Amino acid sequence: MINGIKVKEILNKIDFVLAENKLFLSELDAAIGDGDHGLNMNKGFNAVVEKIKTLPDEDISNIIKASGMALVSNVGGAAGPLYGTAFMKASMAIAKKTEIDINDFINMLEAALEGIKMRGKGVFGEKTMIDSLEPAFIEGRKALEKNSEAKEVLNIIKNSAENGMNETKKIIATKGRASYLGERSIGHQDAGSTSMYLILKTIAEEI
């Protein structure tokens, strides 16, 4: 079980990891998109950290919801509404909880995935953040159903997200700016799937 204090620590660590990787993410995005994904994500999570500082530690869903609102307001492009929706939907899966466990986390991933698909009208295999998140959720849930230890489930989530991210190099983009390139988008790793992987990796490692 983790509490609100730990959730805030994890969000702070995500902010740090995205700051470290902002140029890498923007380079990935520059190859097939607008080239600003890393800077936008960095700006968004800086805002998250500021927003949650003064929030009470008890209500985890409120911390996650506030994070989502900060992302919608501060991340440019399509990523803001998508990540913001993901966090806000995830918060609804753990309403009023003061502690969350691995079951709650899987429910949060499912809600986040549904939110992104609904908001972006996207599906798996279109070279987007869904390509990291969906396999992470599916494989994580399978592991949980086999009664795997929480640590093992988190490792599977992290590894499945990484595999999904790497697979985007083989996909023709059909969403967003990258879709204009058609087959020329093959060979390029998707920036959104990479930021999603970095977030899930950080969560898994911090817990």
N, C-alpha and C. Protein backbone atom coordinates (compact mmCIF):
# COMPACT_ATOMS: atom_id res chain seq x y z
N MET A 1 0.85 -1.20 0.00
CA MET A 1 0.00 0.00 0.00
C MET A 1 0.88 1.25 0.00
N ILE A 2 0.49 2.24 -0.76
CA ILE A 2 1.19 3.53 -0.69
C ILE A 2 0.19 4.64 -0.36
N ASN A 3 0.70 5.66 0.31
CA ASN A 3 -0.17 6.77 0.74
C ASN A 3 0.05 8.01 -0.13
N GLY A 4 -0.66 9.08 0.23
CA GLY A 4 -0.60 10.32 -0.54
C GLY A 4 0.78 10.95 -0.55
N ILE A 5 1.51 10.82 0.54
CA ILE A 5 2.86 11.39 0.61
C ILE A 5 3.74 10.73 -0.45
N LYS A 6 3.63 9.38 -0.55
CA LYS A 6 4.41 8.63 -1.53
C LYS A 6 3.98 8.99 -2.96
N VAL A 7 2.68 9.18 -3.17
CA VAL A 7 2.17 9.56 -4.50
C VAL A 7 2.79 10.90 -4.93
N LYS A 8 2.85 11.84 -4.00
CA LYS A 8 3.48 13.14 -4.30
C LYS A 8 4.96 12.98 -4.64
N GLU A 9 5.64 12.10 -3.90
CA GLU A 9 7.05 11.83 -4.17
C GLU A 9 7.24 11.28 -5.59
N ILE A 10 6.34 10.37 -5.97
CA ILE A 10 6.42 9.77 -7.31
C ILE A 10 6.19 10.83 -8.39
N LEU A 11 5.22 11.70 -8.18
CA LEU A 11 4.95 12.77 -9.16
C LEU A 11 6.14 13.73 -9.27
N ASN A 12 6.79 13.99 -8.16
CA ASN A 12 8.00 14.81 -8.18
C ASN A 12 9.12 14.13 -8.96
N LYS A 13 9.21 12.80 -8.79
CA LYS A 13 10.26 12.04 -9.51
C LYS A 13 9.95 12.01 -11.02
N ILE A 14 8.68 11.88 -11.38
CA ILE A 14 8.30 11.94 -12.80
C ILE A 14 8.71 13.28 -13.39
N ASP A 15 8.48 14.34 -12.65
CA ASP A 15 8.87 15.69 -13.10
C ASP A 15 10.38 15.72 -13.37
N PHE A 16 11.15 15.14 -12.46
CA PHE A 16 12.62 15.11 -12.58
C PHE A 16 13.04 14.30 -13.82
N VAL A 17 12.43 13.13 -14.01
CA VAL A 17 12.79 12.24 -15.13
C VAL A 17 12.44 12.90 -16.47
N LEU A 18 11.28 13.54 -16.54
CA LEU A 18 10.88 14.21 -17.79
C LEU A 18 11.77 15.42 -18.08
N ALA A 19 12.21 16.11 -17.03
CA ALA A 19 13.14 17.23 -17.22
C ALA A 19 14.47 16.71 -17.79
N GLU A 20 14.93 15.58 -17.27
CA GLU A 20 16.17 14.95 -17.75
C GLU A 20 16.06 14.54 -19.22
N ASN A 21 14.85 14.16 -19.63
CA ASN A 21 14.64 13.61 -20.97
C ASN A 21 13.94 14.57 -21.94
N LYS A 22 13.80 15.83 -21.54
CA LYS A 22 12.99 16.75 -22.37
C LYS A 22 13.59 16.95 -23.76
N LEU A 23 14.92 17.03 -23.86
CA LEU A 23 15.54 17.24 -25.17
C LEU A 23 15.42 15.99 -26.03
N PHE A 24 15.60 14.82 -25.41
CA PHE A 24 15.44 13.55 -26.12
C PHE A 24 14.03 13.40 -26.66
N LEU A 25 13.03 13.70 -25.83
CA LEU A 25 11.63 13.60 -26.27
C LEU A 25 11.33 14.58 -27.40
N SER A 26 11.89 15.78 -27.31
CA SER A 26 11.65 16.77 -28.36
C SER A 26 12.36 16.39 -29.66
N GLU A 27 13.53 15.74 -29.54
CA GLU A 27 14.23 15.25 -30.73
C GLU A 27 13.41 14.16 -31.43
N LEU A 28 12.86 13.24 -30.65
CA LEU A 28 11.99 12.20 -31.22
C LEU A 28 10.81 12.85 -31.93
N ASP A 29 10.23 13.84 -31.28
CA ASP A 29 9.05 14.52 -31.83
C ASP A 29 9.40 15.34 -33.07
N ALA A 30 10.59 15.89 -33.09
CA ALA A 30 11.01 16.72 -34.23
C ALA A 30 11.10 15.91 -35.52
N ALA A 31 11.43 14.62 -35.38
CA ALA A 31 11.60 13.76 -36.56
C ALA A 31 10.28 13.56 -37.31
N ILE A 32 9.16 13.50 -36.54
CA ILE A 32 7.87 13.20 -37.20
C ILE A 32 6.71 14.09 -36.71
N GLY A 33 7.02 15.04 -35.84
CA GLY A 33 5.95 15.87 -35.29
C GLY A 33 6.35 17.33 -35.19
N ASP A 34 5.88 18.00 -34.14
CA ASP A 34 6.13 19.44 -33.97
C ASP A 34 7.46 19.75 -33.28
N GLY A 35 8.04 18.75 -32.63
CA GLY A 35 9.34 18.95 -31.98
C GLY A 35 9.28 19.60 -30.61
N ASP A 36 8.09 19.63 -30.01
CA ASP A 36 7.97 20.32 -28.71
C ASP A 36 7.47 19.41 -27.58
N HIS A 37 7.39 18.11 -27.82
CA HIS A 37 6.77 17.21 -26.83
C HIS A 37 7.53 17.23 -25.49
N GLY A 38 8.85 17.16 -25.57
CA GLY A 38 9.65 17.13 -24.34
C GLY A 38 9.50 18.40 -23.51
N LEU A 39 9.54 19.54 -24.19
CA LEU A 39 9.42 20.82 -23.49
C LEU A 39 8.01 20.97 -22.91
N ASN A 40 7.01 20.51 -23.66
CA ASN A 40 5.63 20.59 -23.17
C ASN A 40 5.42 19.71 -21.94
N MET A 41 5.94 18.49 -21.98
CA MET A 41 5.78 17.57 -20.84
C MET A 41 6.52 18.09 -19.62
N ASN A 42 7.70 18.66 -19.84
CA ASN A 42 8.47 19.25 -18.77
C ASN A 42 7.71 20.39 -18.11
N LYS A 43 7.15 21.27 -18.94
CA LYS A 43 6.36 22.40 -18.43
C LYS A 43 5.13 21.89 -17.66
N GLY A 44 4.48 20.86 -18.20
CA GLY A 44 3.28 20.31 -17.58
C GLY A 44 3.55 19.74 -16.20
N PHE A 45 4.61 18.96 -16.07
CA PHE A 45 4.89 18.33 -14.77
C PHE A 45 5.50 19.30 -13.77
N ASN A 46 6.15 20.36 -14.27
CA ASN A 46 6.54 21.45 -13.36
C ASN A 46 5.28 22.04 -12.71
N ALA A 47 4.23 22.20 -13.53
CA ALA A 47 2.96 22.75 -13.02
C ALA A 47 2.29 21.77 -12.06
N VAL A 48 2.40 20.48 -12.34
CA VAL A 48 1.83 19.46 -11.44
C VAL A 48 2.48 19.57 -10.06
N VAL A 49 3.80 19.63 -10.04
CA VAL A 49 4.53 19.69 -8.77
C VAL A 49 4.13 20.92 -7.96
N GLU A 50 3.97 22.06 -8.64
CA GLU A 50 3.53 23.28 -7.96
C GLU A 50 2.11 23.13 -7.41
N LYS A 51 1.25 22.53 -8.22
CA LYS A 51 -0.17 22.40 -7.87
C LYS A 51 -0.38 21.50 -6.65
N ILE A 52 0.37 20.40 -6.56
CA ILE A 52 0.12 19.42 -5.49
C ILE A 52 0.82 19.75 -4.17
N LYS A 53 1.75 20.71 -4.22
CA LYS A 53 2.52 21.06 -3.01
C LYS A 53 1.63 21.32 -1.81
N THR A 54 0.59 22.10 -2.01
CA THR A 54 -0.23 22.56 -0.88
C THR A 54 -1.47 21.69 -0.64
N LEU A 55 -1.65 20.65 -1.46
CA LEU A 55 -2.83 19.80 -1.29
C LEU A 55 -2.66 18.88 -0.09
N PRO A 56 -3.76 18.56 0.62
CA PRO A 56 -3.67 17.59 1.72
C PRO A 56 -3.20 16.22 1.20
N ASP A 57 -2.45 15.50 2.03
CA ASP A 57 -1.91 14.21 1.62
C ASP A 57 -2.93 13.08 1.66
N GLU A 58 -4.06 13.30 2.36
CA GLU A 58 -4.97 12.19 2.66
C GLU A 58 -5.70 11.66 1.43
N ASP A 59 -6.21 12.56 0.58
CA ASP A 59 -7.06 12.14 -0.53
C ASP A 59 -6.24 11.98 -1.81
N ILE A 60 -5.87 10.73 -2.11
CA ILE A 60 -5.01 10.47 -3.28
C ILE A 60 -5.72 10.83 -4.58
N SER A 61 -7.02 10.56 -4.64
CA SER A 61 -7.75 10.85 -5.89
C SER A 61 -7.72 12.34 -6.19
N ASN A 62 -7.76 13.17 -5.15
CA ASN A 62 -7.71 14.62 -5.33
C ASN A 62 -6.34 15.06 -5.86
N ILE A 63 -5.28 14.41 -5.39
CA ILE A 63 -3.91 14.71 -5.86
C ILE A 63 -3.79 14.38 -7.35
N ILE A 64 -4.32 13.22 -7.74
CA ILE A 64 -4.23 12.78 -9.14
C ILE A 64 -5.12 13.66 -10.03
N LYS A 65 -6.29 13.99 -9.54
CA LYS A 65 -7.21 14.85 -10.30
C LYS A 65 -6.58 16.24 -10.54
N ALA A 66 -6.01 16.81 -9.50
CA ALA A 66 -5.37 18.13 -9.61
C ALA A 66 -4.20 18.08 -10.59
N SER A 67 -3.49 16.95 -10.60
CA SER A 67 -2.38 16.76 -11.55
C SER A 67 -2.91 16.79 -12.97
N GLY A 68 -4.02 16.10 -13.20
CA GLY A 68 -4.63 16.07 -14.53
C GLY A 68 -5.05 17.45 -14.99
N MET A 69 -5.63 18.22 -14.08
CA MET A 69 -6.06 19.58 -14.43
C MET A 69 -4.86 20.47 -14.77
N ALA A 70 -3.77 20.28 -14.03
CA ALA A 70 -2.55 21.05 -14.31
C ALA A 70 -1.98 20.69 -15.69
N LEU A 71 -2.06 19.41 -16.06
CA LEU A 71 -1.55 18.97 -17.36
C LEU A 71 -2.39 19.54 -18.50
N VAL A 72 -3.71 19.52 -18.35
CA VAL A 72 -4.59 20.07 -19.39
C VAL A 72 -4.27 21.56 -19.61
N SER A 73 -4.03 22.27 -18.53
CA SER A 73 -3.82 23.72 -18.61
C SER A 73 -2.43 24.11 -19.12
N ASN A 74 -1.44 23.22 -18.94
CA ASN A 74 -0.05 23.63 -19.17
C ASN A 74 0.70 22.88 -20.26
N VAL A 75 0.17 21.75 -20.73
CA VAL A 75 0.86 21.01 -21.79
C VAL A 75 0.25 21.37 -23.14
N GLY A 76 1.08 21.82 -24.06
CA GLY A 76 0.59 22.21 -25.37
C GLY A 76 0.30 21.01 -26.26
N GLY A 77 -0.34 21.27 -27.37
CA GLY A 77 -0.61 20.23 -28.35
C GLY A 77 -1.63 19.21 -27.88
N ALA A 78 -1.63 18.05 -28.52
CA ALA A 78 -2.59 17.00 -28.18
C ALA A 78 -2.28 16.34 -26.83
N ALA A 79 -1.01 16.40 -26.43
CA ALA A 79 -0.59 15.68 -25.21
C ALA A 79 -1.29 16.20 -23.96
N GLY A 80 -1.56 17.51 -23.88
CA GLY A 80 -2.20 18.09 -22.70
C GLY A 80 -3.55 17.49 -22.39
N PRO A 81 -4.48 17.58 -23.34
CA PRO A 81 -5.80 16.98 -23.11
C PRO A 81 -5.75 15.47 -22.88
N LEU A 82 -4.83 14.78 -23.57
CA LEU A 82 -4.76 13.32 -23.45
C LEU A 82 -4.21 12.90 -22.09
N TYR A 83 -3.07 13.46 -21.70
CA TYR A 83 -2.51 13.13 -20.39
C TYR A 83 -3.40 13.65 -19.26
N GLY A 84 -3.97 14.84 -19.45
CA GLY A 84 -4.87 15.39 -18.44
C GLY A 84 -6.07 14.50 -18.22
N THR A 85 -6.67 14.05 -19.32
CA THR A 85 -7.82 13.13 -19.23
C THR A 85 -7.42 11.83 -18.57
N ALA A 86 -6.24 11.31 -18.92
CA ALA A 86 -5.75 10.06 -18.32
C ALA A 86 -5.68 10.17 -16.79
N PHE A 87 -5.11 11.26 -16.32
CA PHE A 87 -4.97 11.44 -14.87
C PHE A 87 -6.34 11.66 -14.20
N MET A 88 -7.19 12.43 -14.84
CA MET A 88 -8.50 12.71 -14.23
C MET A 88 -9.37 11.45 -14.18
N LYS A 89 -9.32 10.65 -15.24
CA LYS A 89 -10.06 9.38 -15.23
C LYS A 89 -9.47 8.41 -14.19
N ALA A 90 -8.16 8.39 -14.11
CA ALA A 90 -7.49 7.53 -13.11
C ALA A 90 -7.91 7.91 -11.69
N SER A 91 -8.08 9.21 -11.46
CA SER A 91 -8.47 9.67 -10.12
C SER A 91 -9.86 9.16 -9.74
N MET A 92 -10.72 9.02 -10.74
CA MET A 92 -12.08 8.55 -10.47
C MET A 92 -12.11 7.07 -10.07
N ALA A 93 -11.07 6.34 -10.46
CA ALA A 93 -10.99 4.90 -10.13
C ALA A 93 -10.59 4.67 -8.67
N ILE A 94 -10.13 5.73 -8.01
CA ILE A 94 -9.68 5.59 -6.61
C ILE A 94 -10.31 6.66 -5.72
N ALA A 95 -11.56 6.99 -6.00
CA ALA A 95 -12.25 8.07 -5.29
C ALA A 95 -12.16 7.92 -3.77
N LYS A 96 -11.73 9.02 -3.13
CA LYS A 96 -11.68 9.15 -1.66
C LYS A 96 -10.67 8.23 -0.97
N LYS A 97 -9.80 7.56 -1.72
CA LYS A 97 -8.87 6.61 -1.08
C LYS A 97 -7.69 7.35 -0.45
N THR A 98 -7.29 6.86 0.72
CA THR A 98 -6.13 7.43 1.41
C THR A 98 -4.89 6.55 1.21
N GLU A 99 -5.11 5.31 0.76
CA GLU A 99 -4.02 4.40 0.41
C GLU A 99 -4.44 3.61 -0.83
N ILE A 100 -3.45 3.28 -1.66
CA ILE A 100 -3.77 2.46 -2.84
C ILE A 100 -2.80 1.28 -2.93
N ASP A 101 -3.28 0.18 -3.52
CA ASP A 101 -2.44 -0.99 -3.72
C ASP A 101 -2.33 -1.32 -5.21
N ILE A 102 -1.75 -2.45 -5.54
CA ILE A 102 -1.51 -2.82 -6.94
C ILE A 102 -2.82 -3.00 -7.70
N ASN A 103 -3.86 -3.49 -7.03
CA ASN A 103 -5.18 -3.61 -7.67
C ASN A 103 -5.70 -2.24 -8.10
N ASP A 104 -5.56 -1.27 -7.19
CA ASP A 104 -5.98 0.10 -7.49
C ASP A 104 -5.20 0.66 -8.68
N PHE A 105 -3.89 0.37 -8.71
CA PHE A 105 -3.06 0.90 -9.79
C PHE A 105 -3.49 0.33 -11.15
N ILE A 106 -3.80 -0.95 -11.19
CA ILE A 106 -4.29 -1.56 -12.44
C ILE A 106 -5.61 -0.90 -12.86
N ASN A 107 -6.48 -0.66 -11.89
CA ASN A 107 -7.75 0.03 -12.19
C ASN A 107 -7.52 1.44 -12.72
N MET A 108 -6.50 2.11 -12.17
CA MET A 108 -6.15 3.45 -12.63
C MET A 108 -5.64 3.42 -14.07
N LEU A 109 -4.81 2.42 -14.38
CA LEU A 109 -4.30 2.28 -15.75
C LEU A 109 -5.44 2.04 -16.73
N GLU A 110 -6.38 1.20 -16.32
CA GLU A 110 -7.52 0.90 -17.20
C GLU A 110 -8.35 2.16 -17.47
N ALA A 111 -8.61 2.92 -16.41
CA ALA A 111 -9.40 4.15 -16.54
C ALA A 111 -8.66 5.18 -17.40
N ALA A 112 -7.34 5.28 -17.19
CA ALA A 112 -6.52 6.21 -17.97
C ALA A 112 -6.55 5.84 -19.45
N LEU A 113 -6.41 4.55 -19.74
CA LEU A 113 -6.42 4.07 -21.12
C LEU A 113 -7.75 4.37 -21.80
N GLU A 114 -8.84 4.09 -21.09
CA GLU A 114 -10.18 4.37 -21.63
C GLU A 114 -10.34 5.86 -21.91
N GLY A 115 -9.83 6.70 -20.99
CA GLY A 115 -9.93 8.14 -21.13
C GLY A 115 -9.17 8.65 -22.35
N ILE A 116 -7.96 8.13 -22.55
CA ILE A 116 -7.14 8.55 -23.70
C ILE A 116 -7.81 8.12 -25.01
N LYS A 117 -8.32 6.89 -25.03
CA LYS A 117 -8.97 6.38 -26.25
C LYS A 117 -10.22 7.20 -26.59
N MET A 118 -10.96 7.53 -25.56
CA MET A 118 -12.19 8.31 -25.75
C MET A 118 -11.85 9.73 -26.25
N ARG A 119 -10.89 10.35 -25.59
CA ARG A 119 -10.55 11.75 -25.91
C ARG A 119 -9.86 11.88 -27.27
N GLY A 120 -8.96 10.94 -27.56
CA GLY A 120 -8.18 11.04 -28.79
C GLY A 120 -8.73 10.23 -29.94
N LYS A 121 -9.83 9.50 -29.69
CA LYS A 121 -10.42 8.61 -30.72
C LYS A 121 -9.34 7.68 -31.30
N GLY A 122 -8.47 7.21 -30.41
CA GLY A 122 -7.35 6.37 -30.86
C GLY A 122 -7.50 4.92 -30.45
N VAL A 123 -6.74 4.06 -31.13
CA VAL A 123 -6.67 2.64 -30.79
C VAL A 123 -5.21 2.20 -30.82
N PHE A 124 -4.97 1.01 -30.31
CA PHE A 124 -3.63 0.44 -30.30
C PHE A 124 -3.11 0.28 -31.73
N GLY A 125 -1.81 0.53 -31.93
CA GLY A 125 -1.20 0.30 -33.24
C GLY A 125 -1.19 1.50 -34.16
N GLU A 126 -1.44 2.70 -33.61
CA GLU A 126 -1.44 3.92 -34.44
C GLU A 126 -0.22 4.81 -34.17
N LYS A 127 0.77 4.27 -33.45
CA LYS A 127 2.00 5.02 -33.15
C LYS A 127 1.71 6.19 -32.22
N THR A 128 1.09 5.89 -31.08
CA THR A 128 0.78 6.91 -30.07
C THR A 128 1.10 6.38 -28.68
N MET A 129 0.81 7.18 -27.66
CA MET A 129 1.04 6.77 -26.26
C MET A 129 0.26 5.51 -25.89
N ILE A 130 -0.82 5.23 -26.61
CA ILE A 130 -1.62 4.01 -26.35
C ILE A 130 -0.76 2.76 -26.55
N ASP A 131 0.20 2.84 -27.47
CA ASP A 131 1.04 1.67 -27.77
C ASP A 131 1.95 1.28 -26.61
N SER A 132 2.20 2.19 -25.69
CA SER A 132 2.91 1.85 -24.45
C SER A 132 1.95 1.48 -23.34
N LEU A 133 0.88 2.25 -23.21
CA LEU A 133 -0.04 2.09 -22.08
C LEU A 133 -0.88 0.81 -22.17
N GLU A 134 -1.39 0.50 -23.36
CA GLU A 134 -2.30 -0.66 -23.46
C GLU A 134 -1.61 -1.98 -23.13
N PRO A 135 -0.43 -2.28 -23.70
CA PRO A 135 0.22 -3.53 -23.31
C PRO A 135 0.62 -3.56 -21.83
N ALA A 136 1.00 -2.39 -21.29
CA ALA A 136 1.35 -2.32 -19.86
C ALA A 136 0.15 -2.70 -19.00
N PHE A 137 -1.01 -2.17 -19.34
CA PHE A 137 -2.23 -2.49 -18.59
C PHE A 137 -2.62 -3.96 -18.77
N ILE A 138 -2.66 -4.43 -20.02
CA ILE A 138 -3.11 -5.81 -20.29
C ILE A 138 -2.20 -6.83 -19.61
N GLU A 139 -0.90 -6.68 -19.79
CA GLU A 139 0.04 -7.65 -19.20
C GLU A 139 0.08 -7.53 -17.67
N GLY A 140 -0.06 -6.31 -17.17
CA GLY A 140 -0.11 -6.11 -15.72
C GLY A 140 -1.33 -6.78 -15.11
N ARG A 141 -2.46 -6.63 -15.76
CA ARG A 141 -3.69 -7.28 -15.26
C ARG A 141 -3.58 -8.80 -15.30
N LYS A 142 -2.99 -9.32 -16.37
CA LYS A 142 -2.79 -10.78 -16.47
C LYS A 142 -1.93 -11.29 -15.32
N ALA A 143 -0.86 -10.56 -15.04
CA ALA A 143 0.04 -10.94 -13.95
C ALA A 143 -0.67 -10.90 -12.60
N LEU A 144 -1.50 -9.88 -12.42
CA LEU A 144 -2.26 -9.75 -11.17
C LEU A 144 -3.25 -10.90 -11.01
N GLU A 145 -3.88 -11.29 -12.12
CA GLU A 145 -4.85 -12.39 -12.08
C GLU A 145 -4.18 -13.72 -11.76
N LYS A 146 -2.87 -13.81 -12.04
CA LYS A 146 -2.10 -15.02 -11.69
C LYS A 146 -1.55 -14.94 -10.27
N ASN A 147 -2.00 -13.92 -9.53
CA ASN A 147 -1.56 -13.69 -8.14
C ASN A 147 -0.06 -13.44 -8.01
N SER A 148 0.52 -12.80 -9.02
CA SER A 148 1.94 -12.42 -8.93
C SER A 148 2.12 -11.37 -7.84
N GLU A 149 3.32 -11.33 -7.29
CA GLU A 149 3.66 -10.30 -6.29
C GLU A 149 3.57 -8.92 -6.95
N ALA A 150 3.26 -7.91 -6.13
CA ALA A 150 3.13 -6.54 -6.64
C ALA A 150 4.39 -6.09 -7.38
N LYS A 151 5.56 -6.44 -6.84
CA LYS A 151 6.83 -6.05 -7.45
C LYS A 151 6.94 -6.65 -8.86
N GLU A 152 6.54 -7.91 -9.00
CA GLU A 152 6.59 -8.58 -10.30
C GLU A 152 5.61 -7.94 -11.28
N VAL A 153 4.42 -7.60 -10.80
CA VAL A 153 3.41 -6.94 -11.66
C VAL A 153 3.96 -5.61 -12.18
N LEU A 154 4.59 -4.85 -11.29
CA LEU A 154 5.15 -3.55 -11.68
C LEU A 154 6.27 -3.70 -12.71
N ASN A 155 7.09 -4.74 -12.54
CA ASN A 155 8.16 -5.00 -13.52
C ASN A 155 7.59 -5.36 -14.88
N ILE A 156 6.51 -6.14 -14.87
CA ILE A 156 5.85 -6.53 -16.13
C ILE A 156 5.24 -5.30 -16.80
N ILE A 157 4.63 -4.42 -16.02
CA ILE A 157 4.07 -3.18 -16.56
C ILE A 157 5.18 -2.35 -17.23
N LYS A 158 6.28 -2.20 -16.53
CA LYS A 158 7.42 -1.41 -17.05
C LYS A 158 7.96 -2.04 -18.34
N ASN A 159 8.19 -3.34 -18.33
CA ASN A 159 8.78 -4.01 -19.50
C ASN A 159 7.82 -4.03 -20.69
N SER A 160 6.53 -4.20 -20.41
CA SER A 160 5.53 -4.22 -21.49
C SER A 160 5.41 -2.84 -22.13
N ALA A 161 5.50 -1.79 -21.31
CA ALA A 161 5.47 -0.42 -21.85
C ALA A 161 6.69 -0.16 -22.72
N GLU A 162 7.84 -0.66 -22.28
CA GLU A 162 9.08 -0.48 -23.06
C GLU A 162 8.98 -1.21 -24.40
N ASN A 163 8.48 -2.43 -24.37
CA ASN A 163 8.32 -3.19 -25.62
C ASN A 163 7.36 -2.47 -26.57
N GLY A 164 6.26 -1.97 -26.01
CA GLY A 164 5.29 -1.25 -26.83
C GLY A 164 5.89 -0.01 -27.46
N MET A 165 6.69 0.71 -26.67
CA MET A 165 7.38 1.90 -27.16
C MET A 165 8.31 1.53 -28.32
N ASN A 166 9.10 0.48 -28.14
CA ASN A 166 10.04 0.07 -29.19
C ASN A 166 9.32 -0.37 -30.47
N GLU A 167 8.16 -0.97 -30.30
CA GLU A 167 7.38 -1.43 -31.46
C GLU A 167 6.89 -0.27 -32.33
N THR A 168 6.79 0.93 -31.73
CA THR A 168 6.28 2.07 -32.52
C THR A 168 7.22 2.42 -33.68
N LYS A 169 8.48 1.99 -33.59
CA LYS A 169 9.42 2.23 -34.71
C LYS A 169 8.96 1.55 -35.99
N LYS A 170 8.18 0.47 -35.84
CA LYS A 170 7.77 -0.34 -37.01
C LYS A 170 6.42 0.11 -37.58
N ILE A 171 5.77 1.05 -36.90
CA ILE A 171 4.39 1.41 -37.24
C ILE A 171 4.34 2.65 -38.14
N ILE A 172 3.42 2.63 -39.11
CA ILE A 172 3.11 3.84 -39.89
C ILE A 172 2.16 4.70 -39.05
N ALA A 173 2.52 5.94 -38.83
CA ALA A 173 1.67 6.83 -38.02
C ALA A 173 0.37 7.14 -38.76
N THR A 174 -0.73 7.07 -38.02
CA THR A 174 -2.03 7.42 -38.62
C THR A 174 -2.76 8.48 -37.79
N LYS A 175 -2.07 9.01 -36.78
CA LYS A 175 -2.66 10.04 -35.92
C LYS A 175 -1.74 11.25 -35.86
N GLY A 176 -2.36 12.43 -35.80
CA GLY A 176 -1.60 13.66 -35.57
C GLY A 176 -0.71 14.06 -36.73
N ARG A 177 0.22 14.95 -36.41
CA ARG A 177 1.13 15.53 -37.41
C ARG A 177 1.94 14.43 -38.13
N ALA A 178 2.33 13.40 -37.38
CA ALA A 178 3.16 12.34 -37.95
C ALA A 178 2.46 11.59 -39.08
N SER A 179 1.12 11.60 -39.07
CA SER A 179 0.37 10.86 -40.09
C SER A 179 0.60 11.42 -41.50
N TYR A 180 1.00 12.70 -41.58
CA TYR A 180 1.26 13.31 -42.89
C TYR A 180 2.44 12.65 -43.60
N LEU A 181 3.33 12.04 -42.83
CA LEU A 181 4.53 11.43 -43.40
C LEU A 181 4.27 10.06 -44.00
N GLY A 182 3.17 9.43 -43.61
CA GLY A 182 2.85 8.09 -44.12
C GLY A 182 3.97 7.11 -43.82
N GLU A 183 4.45 6.41 -44.85
CA GLU A 183 5.46 5.37 -44.65
C GLU A 183 6.80 5.92 -44.17
N ARG A 184 7.03 7.21 -44.39
CA ARG A 184 8.30 7.81 -43.92
C ARG A 184 8.37 7.89 -42.39
N SER A 185 7.23 7.66 -41.72
CA SER A 185 7.24 7.65 -40.25
C SER A 185 7.79 6.34 -39.69
N ILE A 186 7.91 5.32 -40.55
CA ILE A 186 8.50 4.05 -40.11
C ILE A 186 9.97 4.27 -39.76
N GLY A 187 10.42 3.62 -38.70
CA GLY A 187 11.81 3.75 -38.26
C GLY A 187 11.98 4.78 -37.15
N HIS A 188 10.93 5.58 -36.92
CA HIS A 188 10.99 6.60 -35.87
C HIS A 188 10.18 6.16 -34.65
N GLN A 189 10.77 6.32 -33.48
CA GLN A 189 10.09 6.01 -32.22
C GLN A 189 9.15 7.15 -31.85
N ASP A 190 7.94 6.79 -31.45
CA ASP A 190 6.94 7.82 -31.11
C ASP A 190 7.26 8.50 -29.79
N ALA A 191 7.20 9.83 -29.79
CA ALA A 191 7.53 10.60 -28.59
C ALA A 191 6.50 10.38 -27.47
N GLY A 192 5.22 10.32 -27.83
CA GLY A 192 4.18 10.12 -26.82
C GLY A 192 4.29 8.77 -26.14
N SER A 193 4.58 7.74 -26.91
CA SER A 193 4.75 6.40 -26.31
C SER A 193 5.99 6.38 -25.41
N THR A 194 6.97 7.22 -25.74
CA THR A 194 8.20 7.29 -24.95
C THR A 194 7.96 8.00 -23.62
N SER A 195 7.24 9.11 -23.66
CA SER A 195 6.94 9.80 -22.39
C SER A 195 6.05 8.92 -21.50
N MET A 196 5.12 8.17 -22.11
CA MET A 196 4.27 7.25 -21.35
C MET A 196 5.13 6.16 -20.69
N TYR A 197 6.07 5.62 -21.45
CA TYR A 197 6.97 4.60 -20.89
C TYR A 197 7.78 5.18 -19.72
N LEU A 198 8.30 6.39 -19.89
CA LEU A 198 9.11 7.01 -18.82
C LEU A 198 8.29 7.20 -17.54
N ILE A 199 7.02 7.57 -17.71
CA ILE A 199 6.14 7.76 -16.55
C ILE A 199 5.88 6.42 -15.86
N LEU A 200 5.53 5.39 -16.63
CA LEU A 200 5.24 4.07 -16.05
C LEU A 200 6.49 3.45 -15.43
N LYS A 201 7.63 3.63 -16.09
CA LYS A 201 8.91 3.13 -15.55
C LYS A 201 9.22 3.78 -14.21
N THR A 202 9.03 5.10 -14.14
CA THR A 202 9.31 5.83 -12.91
C THR A 202 8.41 5.36 -11.78
N ILE A 203 7.12 5.19 -12.07
CA ILE A 203 6.18 4.71 -11.05
C ILE A 203 6.60 3.34 -10.54
N ALA A 204 6.90 2.43 -11.48
CA ALA A 204 7.28 1.06 -11.09
C ALA A 204 8.54 1.06 -10.23
N GLU A 205 9.52 1.84 -10.63
CA GLU A 205 10.79 1.85 -9.90
C GLU A 205 10.67 2.54 -8.54
N GLU A 206 9.85 3.57 -8.46
CA GLU A 206 9.69 4.30 -7.19
C GLU A 206 8.92 3.48 -6.16
N ILE A 207 7.98 2.66 -6.65
CA ILE A 207 7.20 1.82 -5.71
C ILE A 207 8.02 0.59 -5.34
